[in-house]
Amino acid sequence: MLSIAQQQGFRVPSLRAYHYRVHVLDSELLQRLVEAASRPLLEQQQRRWKRLIADGAGFGFGQKYLLKWMRGSQLRQVSSHVRLVTLVAVDQHAQSVIVSCSCGGPYRSEVKLLEGVLRRLDKLPDVPLIADRGLDAVGLMQRVKELGCPVAIGVKGTWRVRNPLRQGWKKSGRERYRVEGMYGLLKQKLGSWFAVLREDMAKKKALAVALCYNLYMLVVSGHLDGSFCLILSAFIWLISALLWRLCSRKIAYNIRL
């Protein structure tokens, strides 16, 4: 990619410079860009937002590794991955936009990640916030109520329904499947595995995936010119994609072993 850009007459820094710029890129900046890209869509008068959906998905990277505990006589081998938790708004036409997101390491608590997302927000549309029972936490539900949203989070057990905050799942919980379609689109178009070796790089690439989706929605809705948004999305993806050249030799060496 760098050689192609150089042939077109652009001044391109070295691959090492690209790697350094991604390394020092603040994840907080990517989160703010995701939220800024969603704001014009959330403020559209003709859009009637029907629900908010919170869910998480994993993106693999690097190699498989062995867990430190044993089951039976062998160590369990798992894939390296990061977890992306998103808060998605869905309108009357079933179109969605990522309001905000957060990314953590493997097996990171989705409750903690979503609590971090909600702390970043001051106001949300007055529509039910839907989530599965993996996000069943009273503190999280109280924060959702403070933001002005009815709570529709799944319950882990029937004995926990006594809390009045846990009684909205039966009314709106059946709509949670819509967020799975968004994750399916992201993984189909941009991939579910990142060609990087380091966890911090994989987290930034997962946030870049969410940003590219919001930029796509801005183009579809007519807020941004398609050519400008295409260039910006390509630049964001190029930064993370170029890391493959840096680590491809090491991956190939590990595979041979």
Protein backbone atom coordinates (compact mmCIF):
# COMPACT_ATOMS: atom_id res chain seq x y z
CA MET A 1 0.00 0.00 0.00
CA LEU A 2 2.83 2.38 0.79
CA SER A 3 4.49 1.69 -2.55
CA ILE A 4 1.22 2.32 -4.42
CA ALA A 5 0.76 5.64 -2.63
CA GLN A 6 4.33 6.62 -3.49
CA GLN A 7 3.73 5.80 -7.15
CA GLN A 8 0.75 8.17 -7.12
CA GLY A 9 3.03 10.99 -6.00
CA PHE A 10 2.10 11.17 -2.31
CA ARG A 11 4.69 11.77 0.38
CA VAL A 12 4.50 8.65 2.53
CA PRO A 13 6.41 8.07 5.77
CA SER A 14 8.16 4.81 6.47
CA LEU A 15 6.41 1.74 7.87
CA ARG A 16 8.19 2.25 11.18
CA ALA A 17 6.75 5.75 11.40
CA TYR A 18 3.25 4.38 10.76
CA HIS A 19 3.69 1.78 13.49
CA TYR A 20 4.85 4.43 15.95
CA ARG A 21 1.88 6.70 15.17
CA VAL A 22 -0.61 3.89 15.80
CA HIS A 23 1.22 2.96 19.00
CA VAL A 24 0.94 6.49 20.44
CA LEU A 25 -2.64 6.98 19.19
CA ASP A 26 -4.94 7.48 22.18
CA SER A 27 -7.90 5.10 22.38
CA GLU A 28 -9.87 7.89 24.04
CA LEU A 29 -9.62 9.86 20.79
CA LEU A 30 -11.16 6.99 18.81
CA GLN A 31 -14.02 6.76 21.31
CA ARG A 32 -14.69 10.49 21.02
CA LEU A 33 -14.70 10.20 17.22
CA VAL A 34 -17.27 7.40 17.38
CA GLU A 35 -19.51 9.53 19.60
CA ALA A 36 -19.04 12.63 17.42
CA ALA A 37 -19.96 10.66 14.29
CA SER A 38 -23.19 9.42 15.92
CA ARG A 39 -24.34 12.86 17.15
CA PRO A 40 -25.68 14.23 13.82
CA LEU A 41 -27.76 11.08 13.35
CA LEU A 42 -29.13 11.14 16.90
CA GLU A 43 -30.22 14.77 16.45
CA GLN A 44 -32.15 14.15 13.22
CA GLN A 45 -35.77 15.22 13.66
CA GLN A 46 -37.20 12.77 11.11
CA ARG A 47 -35.65 9.77 12.85
CA ARG A 48 -37.73 8.23 15.63
CA TRP A 49 -35.51 6.12 17.82
CA LYS A 50 -37.28 3.02 19.06
CA ARG A 51 -34.73 1.32 21.30
CA LEU A 52 -31.16 1.22 22.59
CA ILE A 53 -29.31 -2.10 22.59
CA ALA A 54 -26.12 -2.89 24.52
CA ASP A 55 -24.07 -5.94 23.59
CA GLY A 56 -20.50 -7.14 23.13
CA ALA A 57 -18.54 -9.08 20.54
CA GLY A 58 -15.06 -10.56 20.36
CA PHE A 59 -12.42 -9.95 17.68
CA GLY A 60 -9.49 -12.33 17.44
CA PHE A 61 -5.87 -11.43 16.83
CA GLY A 62 -2.40 -12.92 16.92
CA GLN A 63 -1.88 -16.51 17.95
CA LYS A 64 -3.49 -19.06 20.23
CA TYR A 65 -2.17 -19.32 23.78
CA LEU A 66 -2.45 -21.74 26.70
CA LEU A 67 -4.48 -20.93 29.77
CA LYS A 68 -2.75 -21.20 33.14
CA TRP A 69 -5.23 -23.69 34.55
CA MET A 70 -5.77 -27.32 33.50
CA ARG A 71 -8.87 -29.34 32.71
CA GLY A 72 -8.10 -33.02 32.74
CA SER A 73 -4.55 -33.74 31.66
CA GLN A 74 -4.02 -30.92 29.12
CA LEU A 75 -3.89 -27.17 29.14
CA ARG A 76 -6.72 -25.50 27.25
CA GLN A 77 -5.69 -23.63 24.10
CA VAL A 78 -7.67 -20.47 23.30
CA SER A 79 -7.40 -17.70 20.73
CA SER A 80 -6.18 -14.24 21.67
CA HIS A 81 -9.04 -11.76 21.40
CA VAL A 82 -10.36 -8.41 22.54
CA ARG A 83 -13.94 -7.56 23.52
CA LEU A 84 -15.84 -4.63 22.02
CA VAL A 85 -18.96 -3.44 23.87
CA THR A 86 -21.26 -1.06 22.00
CA LEU A 87 -24.37 0.95 22.80
CA VAL A 88 -26.50 0.99 19.63
CA ALA A 89 -29.55 3.12 18.83
CA VAL A 90 -32.14 1.65 16.43
CA ASP A 91 -34.72 3.79 14.60
CA GLN A 92 -38.17 3.03 13.14
CA HIS A 93 -36.62 1.68 9.93
CA ALA A 94 -34.37 -0.77 11.84
CA GLN A 95 -31.28 1.28 10.95
CA SER A 96 -28.71 1.46 13.73
CA VAL A 97 -25.92 3.79 14.84
CA ILE A 98 -23.26 3.20 17.49
CA VAL A 99 -23.81 5.82 20.21
CA SER A 100 -20.62 4.93 22.07
CA CYS A 101 -18.34 1.97 22.66
CA SER A 102 -15.54 0.61 24.79
CA CYS A 103 -12.94 -2.09 24.29
CA GLY A 104 -11.20 -4.37 26.76
CA GLY A 105 -9.00 -7.42 26.95
CA PRO A 106 -10.06 -11.08 26.78
CA TYR A 107 -12.76 -12.12 29.27
CA ARG A 108 -13.12 -8.53 30.48
CA SER A 109 -16.43 -7.92 32.27
CA GLU A 110 -19.00 -6.49 29.87
CA VAL A 111 -20.71 -4.83 32.85
CA LYS A 112 -17.58 -2.81 33.63
CA LEU A 113 -17.09 -1.88 29.99
CA LEU A 114 -20.71 -0.71 29.61
CA GLU A 115 -20.51 1.24 32.86
CA GLY A 116 -17.54 3.08 31.38
CA VAL A 117 -19.58 3.84 28.26
CA LEU A 118 -22.51 5.21 30.28
CA ARG A 119 -20.22 7.41 32.37
CA ARG A 120 -19.17 9.16 29.17
CA LEU A 121 -22.75 10.07 28.26
CA ASP A 122 -24.91 12.86 29.68
CA LYS A 123 -28.22 12.08 27.98
CA LEU A 124 -29.85 9.31 25.97
CA PRO A 125 -33.10 9.04 23.97
CA ASP A 126 -36.15 8.22 26.07
CA VAL A 127 -36.44 4.65 24.77
CA PRO A 128 -35.86 1.25 26.44
CA LEU A 129 -32.25 0.10 26.80
CA ILE A 130 -32.17 -3.61 25.98
CA ALA A 131 -29.41 -6.03 26.96
CA ASP A 132 -29.09 -9.74 27.72
CA ARG A 133 -28.74 -11.21 31.19
CA GLY A 134 -24.95 -10.99 31.03
CA LEU A 135 -25.42 -7.29 31.89
CA ASP A 136 -27.76 -7.94 34.83
CA ALA A 137 -26.36 -5.56 37.49
CA VAL A 138 -28.34 -3.21 39.72
CA GLY A 139 -25.71 -0.45 39.60
CA LEU A 140 -25.77 -0.51 35.82
CA MET A 141 -29.56 -0.34 35.76
CA GLN A 142 -29.58 2.62 38.12
CA ARG A 143 -27.21 4.52 35.83
CA VAL A 144 -29.51 3.77 32.87
CA LYS A 145 -32.45 5.22 34.83
CA GLU A 146 -30.43 8.34 35.65
CA LEU A 147 -29.91 8.89 31.92
CA GLY A 148 -33.68 8.80 31.39
CA CYS A 149 -34.09 5.36 29.79
CA PRO A 150 -36.46 2.55 30.77
CA VAL A 151 -34.51 -0.59 31.70
CA ALA A 152 -35.04 -3.79 29.70
CA ILE A 153 -32.12 -5.98 30.77
CA GLY A 154 -32.40 -9.76 31.03
CA VAL A 155 -32.50 -11.41 34.45
CA LYS A 156 -30.14 -14.21 35.47
CA GLY A 157 -32.65 -15.94 37.77
CA THR A 158 -36.33 -15.71 38.64
CA TRP A 159 -35.59 -14.87 42.28
CA ARG A 160 -33.93 -11.61 41.20
CA VAL A 161 -37.10 -10.21 39.57
CA ARG A 162 -38.22 -8.73 42.90
CA ASN A 163 -36.17 -5.64 42.19
CA PRO A 164 -38.44 -3.25 40.20
CA LEU A 165 -35.54 -2.36 37.89
CA ARG A 166 -35.57 -5.93 36.55
CA GLN A 167 -39.15 -6.00 35.27
CA GLY A 168 -38.79 -4.43 31.81
CA TRP A 169 -37.18 -7.37 29.96
CA LYS A 170 -40.45 -9.15 29.07
CA LYS A 171 -41.81 -6.04 27.29
CA SER A 172 -38.84 -5.20 25.04
CA GLY A 173 -36.30 -8.02 25.31
CA ARG A 174 -37.34 -9.71 22.07
CA GLU A 175 -35.78 -6.86 20.05
CA ARG A 176 -32.22 -7.61 21.18
CA TYR A 177 -31.52 -9.72 18.09
CA ARG A 178 -31.17 -6.57 15.95
CA VAL A 179 -27.70 -5.81 17.30
CA GLU A 180 -26.48 -9.22 16.13
CA GLY A 181 -27.16 -8.16 12.55
CA MET A 182 -24.90 -5.13 12.99
CA TYR A 183 -22.06 -7.26 14.38
CA GLY A 184 -22.57 -9.74 11.55
CA LEU A 185 -22.22 -6.92 9.02
CA LEU A 186 -19.05 -5.61 10.68
CA LYS A 187 -17.39 -9.02 10.76
CA GLN A 188 -18.47 -9.86 7.23
CA LYS A 189 -17.14 -6.64 5.71
CA LEU A 190 -14.12 -5.92 7.94
CA GLY A 191 -13.29 -9.35 9.33
CA SER A 192 -13.49 -10.95 12.76
CA TRP A 193 -9.72 -11.49 13.12
CA PHE A 194 -7.07 -8.77 13.13
CA ALA A 195 -3.60 -9.36 11.71
CA VAL A 196 -1.76 -7.88 14.69
CA LEU A 197 0.21 -9.43 17.53
CA ARG A 198 -0.24 -6.91 20.35
CA GLU A 199 -3.39 -6.51 22.40
CA ASP A 200 -3.31 -2.70 22.48
CA MET A 201 -3.18 -2.61 18.67
CA ALA A 202 -6.14 -5.00 18.45
CA LYS A 203 -8.18 -2.76 20.79
CA LYS A 204 -7.54 0.29 18.64
CA LYS A 205 -8.48 -1.63 15.53
CA ALA A 206 -11.76 -2.75 17.13
CA LEU A 207 -12.58 0.89 17.93
CA ALA A 208 -11.69 1.79 14.34
CA VAL A 209 -14.24 -0.79 13.15
CA ALA A 210 -16.98 1.00 15.13
CA LEU A 211 -15.87 4.36 13.74
CA CYS A 212 -15.94 3.09 10.14
CA TYR A 213 -19.50 1.85 10.69
CA ASN A 214 -20.70 5.26 11.92
CA LEU A 215 -18.97 6.99 9.01
CA TYR A 216 -20.76 4.62 6.66
CA MET A 217 -24.11 5.52 8.26
CA LEU A 218 -23.32 9.23 7.85
CA VAL A 219 -22.76 8.72 4.13
CA VAL A 220 -25.95 6.65 3.73
CA SER A 221 -28.00 9.32 5.51
CA GLY A 222 -26.50 12.13 3.39
CA HIS A 223 -24.61 13.95 6.16
CA LEU A 224 -21.19 13.47 4.57
CA ASP A 225 -19.91 13.40 1.04
CA GLY A 226 -19.14 9.81 0.07
CA SER A 227 -15.69 10.53 -1.35
CA PHE A 228 -14.52 12.38 1.78
CA CYS A 229 -15.81 9.67 4.09
CA LEU A 230 -14.25 6.96 1.93
CA ILE A 231 -10.86 8.63 2.15
CA LEU A 232 -11.16 9.06 5.93
CA SER A 233 -12.27 5.45 6.47
CA ALA A 234 -9.50 4.16 4.22
CA PHE A 235 -6.92 6.19 6.16
CA ILE A 236 -8.14 4.80 9.50
CA TRP A 237 -8.11 1.24 8.18
CA LEU A 238 -4.76 1.71 6.46
CA ILE A 239 -3.07 2.63 9.73
CA SER A 240 -4.11 -0.65 11.34
CA ALA A 241 -3.77 -2.80 8.20
CA LEU A 242 -0.15 -1.82 7.63
CA LEU A 243 0.78 -3.50 10.90
CA TRP A 244 0.44 -6.84 9.12
CA ARG A 245 3.63 -6.24 7.19
CA LEU A 246 5.45 -5.54 10.43
CA CYS A 247 4.46 -8.80 12.12
CA SER A 248 3.84 -11.21 9.21
CA ARG A 249 7.33 -12.73 9.38
CA LYS A 250 6.99 -13.42 13.09
CA ILE A 251 3.57 -15.05 12.61
CA ALA A 252 4.91 -17.25 9.81
CA TYR A 253 7.85 -18.26 12.00
CA ASN A 254 5.53 -19.24 14.88
CA ILE A 255 3.31 -21.26 12.54
CA ARG A 256 6.29 -23.25 11.30
CA LEU A 257 7.17 -24.06 14.88
